[in-house]
Amino acid sequence: MTLDGDRDGHTYSHDEDYLRLNRQAKRVFDAIAGGGWHGRGRLERKTGDNWASISARLRDFRKAKFGGWLIMRKRSEIPGLFVYRLAGKNQLPPIPEHTEPESPLPGQTRLIP
């Protein structure tokens, strides 16, 4: 399992952020790896970290360089809130980062999301 590594983003600084964010990743992973569904409040209490940081680590876990984990999300019983679960390794091939959409064939239009 690889949770350590440099993070992405324009404001990331290896010297200032590497240890802090990798320790945080371990706390978040340990909190969600216990099985079951976890809401925002529960993850904040278990890790001592704020939700913005926790959700960033959950996004990191999905990336191939941090393990390619499958993090499931579903709506909770409380309207507007979600719960999360670590469901193991993602078995789908990774989606390449920074790829341009294919050009449409002549006579086709490309839908912009």
C-alpha atoms as a PDB file:
ATOM      1  CA  MET A   1       0.000   0.000   0.000  1.00  0.00           C
ATOM      2  CA  THR A   2       1.385   3.385  -0.976  1.00  0.00           C
ATOM      3  CA  LEU A   3      -0.107   6.373   0.776  1.00  0.00           C
ATOM      4  CA  ASP A   4       3.141   8.361   0.826  1.00  0.00           C
ATOM      5  CA  GLY A   5       4.154  10.652  -1.971  1.00  0.00           C
ATOM      6  CA  ASP A   6       4.084  14.182  -3.226  1.00  0.00           C
ATOM      7  CA  ARG A   7       0.605  15.641  -3.570  1.00  0.00           C
ATOM      8  CA  ASP A   8      -0.740  17.578  -6.524  1.00  0.00           C
ATOM      9  CA  GLY A   9      -1.640  21.233  -6.597  1.00  0.00           C
ATOM     10  CA  HIS A  10      -0.120  24.618  -7.212  1.00  0.00           C
ATOM     11  CA  THR A  11       0.299  25.437  -3.518  1.00  0.00           C
ATOM     12  CA  TYR A  12       1.944  22.119  -2.545  1.00  0.00           C
ATOM     13  CA  SER A  13       5.507  22.447  -1.241  1.00  0.00           C
ATOM     14  CA  HIS A  14       7.467  19.243  -0.676  1.00  0.00           C
ATOM     15  CA  ASP A  15       9.532  20.776   2.141  1.00  0.00           C
ATOM     16  CA  GLU A  16       6.537  22.231   3.979  1.00  0.00           C
ATOM     17  CA  ASP A  17       3.766  19.723   3.230  1.00  0.00           C
ATOM     18  CA  TYR A  18       5.180  16.237   2.557  1.00  0.00           C
ATOM     19  CA  LEU A  19       5.341  14.900   6.133  1.00  0.00           C
ATOM     20  CA  ARG A  20       2.172  16.636   7.303  1.00  0.00           C
ATOM     21  CA  LEU A  21      -0.005  15.433   4.416  1.00  0.00           C
ATOM     22  CA  ASN A  22       1.375  11.885   4.421  1.00  0.00           C
ATOM     23  CA  ARG A  23       0.721  11.583   8.159  1.00  0.00           C
ATOM     24  CA  GLN A  24      -2.749  12.952   7.571  1.00  0.00           C
ATOM     25  CA  ALA A  25      -3.313  10.401   4.769  1.00  0.00           C
ATOM     26  CA  LYS A  26      -2.428   7.586   7.172  1.00  0.00           C
ATOM     27  CA  ARG A  27      -4.904   8.901   9.791  1.00  0.00           C
ATOM     28  CA  VAL A  28      -7.701   9.171   7.228  1.00  0.00           C
ATOM     29  CA  PHE A  29      -6.949   5.748   5.744  1.00  0.00           C
ATOM     30  CA  ASP A  30      -6.880   4.117   9.194  1.00  0.00           C
ATOM     31  CA  ALA A  31     -10.213   5.765  10.031  1.00  0.00           C
ATOM     32  CA  ILE A  32     -12.013   4.606   6.884  1.00  0.00           C
ATOM     33  CA  ALA A  33     -10.321   1.188   6.544  1.00  0.00           C
ATOM     34  CA  GLY A  34     -12.202  -0.260   9.503  1.00  0.00           C
ATOM     35  CA  GLY A  35     -15.176  -1.089   7.295  1.00  0.00           C
ATOM     36  CA  GLY A  36     -18.663   0.315   7.221  1.00  0.00           C
ATOM     37  CA  TRP A  37     -19.927   3.690   6.157  1.00  0.00           C
ATOM     38  CA  HIS A  38     -18.443   6.876   7.609  1.00  0.00           C
ATOM     39  CA  GLY A  39     -19.946  10.338   7.632  1.00  0.00           C
ATOM     40  CA  ARG A  40     -18.150  13.636   7.700  1.00  0.00           C
ATOM     41  CA  GLY A  41     -18.494  14.132  11.469  1.00  0.00           C
ATOM     42  CA  ARG A  42     -17.283  10.642  12.315  1.00  0.00           C
ATOM     43  CA  LEU A  43     -14.188  11.005  10.121  1.00  0.00           C
ATOM     44  CA  GLU A  44     -13.428  14.426  11.607  1.00  0.00           C
ATOM     45  CA  ARG A  45     -13.653  13.005  15.149  1.00  0.00           C
ATOM     46  CA  LYS A  46     -11.578   9.902  14.352  1.00  0.00           C
ATOM     47  CA  THR A  47      -8.781  11.819  12.617  1.00  0.00           C
ATOM     48  CA  GLY A  48      -8.824  15.238  14.294  1.00  0.00           C
ATOM     49  CA  ASP A  49      -8.669  16.777  10.797  1.00  0.00           C
ATOM     50  CA  ASN A  50     -11.146  19.111   9.099  1.00  0.00           C
ATOM     51  CA  TRP A  51     -13.477  17.943   6.340  1.00  0.00           C
ATOM     52  CA  ALA A  52     -11.717  19.828   3.513  1.00  0.00           C
ATOM     53  CA  SER A  53      -8.479  17.978   4.307  1.00  0.00           C
ATOM     54  CA  ILE A  54     -10.206  14.604   4.731  1.00  0.00           C
ATOM     55  CA  SER A  55     -12.051  14.890   1.424  1.00  0.00           C
ATOM     56  CA  ALA A  56      -8.781  15.831  -0.319  1.00  0.00           C
ATOM     57  CA  ARG A  57      -7.131  12.668   1.068  1.00  0.00           C
ATOM     58  CA  LEU A  58     -10.123  10.552  -0.051  1.00  0.00           C
ATOM     59  CA  ARG A  59      -9.645  11.946  -3.569  1.00  0.00           C
ATOM     60  CA  ASP A  60      -5.926  11.137  -3.330  1.00  0.00           C
ATOM     61  CA  PHE A  61      -6.655   7.509  -2.390  1.00  0.00           C
ATOM     62  CA  ARG A  62      -8.506   7.066  -5.693  1.00  0.00           C
ATOM     63  CA  LYS A  63      -5.385   8.015  -7.691  1.00  0.00           C
ATOM     64  CA  ALA A  64      -3.158   5.196  -8.967  1.00  0.00           C
ATOM     65  CA  LYS A  65      -0.038   6.654  -7.334  1.00  0.00           C
ATOM     66  CA  PHE A  66      -1.707   6.400  -3.905  1.00  0.00           C
ATOM     67  CA  GLY A  67      -3.103   2.918  -4.351  1.00  0.00           C
ATOM     68  CA  GLY A  68      -6.055   3.317  -6.719  1.00  0.00           C
ATOM     69  CA  TRP A  69      -8.580   2.606  -3.956  1.00  0.00           C
ATOM     70  CA  LEU A  70     -12.308   2.444  -4.571  1.00  0.00           C
ATOM     71  CA  ILE A  71     -13.975   4.942  -2.227  1.00  0.00           C
ATOM     72  CA  MET A  72     -17.739   4.571  -2.391  1.00  0.00           C
ATOM     73  CA  ARG A  73     -20.138   7.397  -1.618  1.00  0.00           C
ATOM     74  CA  LYS A  74     -23.864   7.367  -1.002  1.00  0.00           C
ATOM     75  CA  ARG A  75     -26.452   9.739   0.388  1.00  0.00           C
ATOM     76  CA  SER A  76     -26.987   9.460   4.111  1.00  0.00           C
ATOM     77  CA  GLU A  77     -30.333   9.451   5.845  1.00  0.00           C
ATOM     78  CA  ILE A  78     -29.786  13.156   6.531  1.00  0.00           C
ATOM     79  CA  PRO A  79     -30.700  15.167   3.408  1.00  0.00           C
ATOM     80  CA  GLY A  80     -27.705  16.796   1.742  1.00  0.00           C
ATOM     81  CA  LEU A  81     -25.067  14.666   3.486  1.00  0.00           C
ATOM     82  CA  PHE A  82     -23.040  11.735   2.195  1.00  0.00           C
ATOM     83  CA  VAL A  83     -21.289   8.763   3.777  1.00  0.00           C
ATOM     84  CA  TYR A  84     -18.131   7.085   2.493  1.00  0.00           C
ATOM     85  CA  ARG A  85     -16.718   3.571   2.520  1.00  0.00           C
ATOM     86  CA  LEU A  86     -13.418   2.031   1.482  1.00  0.00           C
ATOM     87  CA  ALA A  87     -14.407  -0.842  -0.794  1.00  0.00           C
ATOM     88  CA  GLY A  88     -10.980  -2.197  -1.750  1.00  0.00           C
ATOM     89  CA  LYS A  89      -8.822  -1.690  -4.800  1.00  0.00           C
ATOM     90  CA  ASN A  90     -10.346  -0.282  -7.949  1.00  0.00           C
ATOM     91  CA  GLN A  91     -10.307  -3.026 -10.596  1.00  0.00           C
ATOM     92  CA  LEU A  92     -10.893  -0.668 -13.523  1.00  0.00           C
ATOM     93  CA  PRO A  93      -7.937   0.632 -15.520  1.00  0.00           C
ATOM     94  CA  PRO A  94      -6.892   4.099 -14.350  1.00  0.00           C
ATOM     95  CA  ILE A  95      -8.124   7.089 -16.287  1.00  0.00           C
ATOM     96  CA  PRO A  96      -5.127   9.006 -17.624  1.00  0.00           C
ATOM     97  CA  GLU A  97      -4.717  12.420 -16.080  1.00  0.00           C
ATOM     98  CA  HIS A  98      -4.392  15.459 -18.353  1.00  0.00           C
ATOM     99  CA  THR A  99      -5.777  13.976 -21.569  1.00  0.00           C
ATOM    100  CA  GLU A 100      -7.572  15.950 -24.217  1.00  0.00           C
ATOM    101  CA  PRO A 101     -10.960  14.691 -25.401  1.00  0.00           C
ATOM    102  CA  GLU A 102     -10.948  13.024 -28.789  1.00  0.00           C
ATOM    103  CA  SER A 103     -11.956  15.189 -31.722  1.00  0.00           C
ATOM    104  CA  PRO A 104     -15.352  14.341 -33.141  1.00  0.00           C
ATOM    105  CA  LEU A 105     -15.585  12.619 -36.479  1.00  0.00           C
ATOM    106  CA  PRO A 106     -16.761  14.736 -39.411  1.00  0.00           C
ATOM    107  CA  GLY A 107     -20.473  15.366 -39.057  1.00  0.00           C
ATOM    108  CA  GLN A 108     -20.449  14.761 -35.277  1.00  0.00           C
ATOM    109  CA  THR A 109     -20.616  17.309 -32.520  1.00  0.00           C
ATOM    110  CA  ARG A 110     -18.759  17.006 -29.281  1.00  0.00           C
ATOM    111  CA  LEU A 111     -20.805  17.444 -26.129  1.00  0.00           C
ATOM    112  CA  ILE A 112     -19.141  19.655 -23.552  1.00  0.00           C
ATOM    113  CA  PRO A 113     -19.995  18.575 -19.987  1.00  0.00           C
END
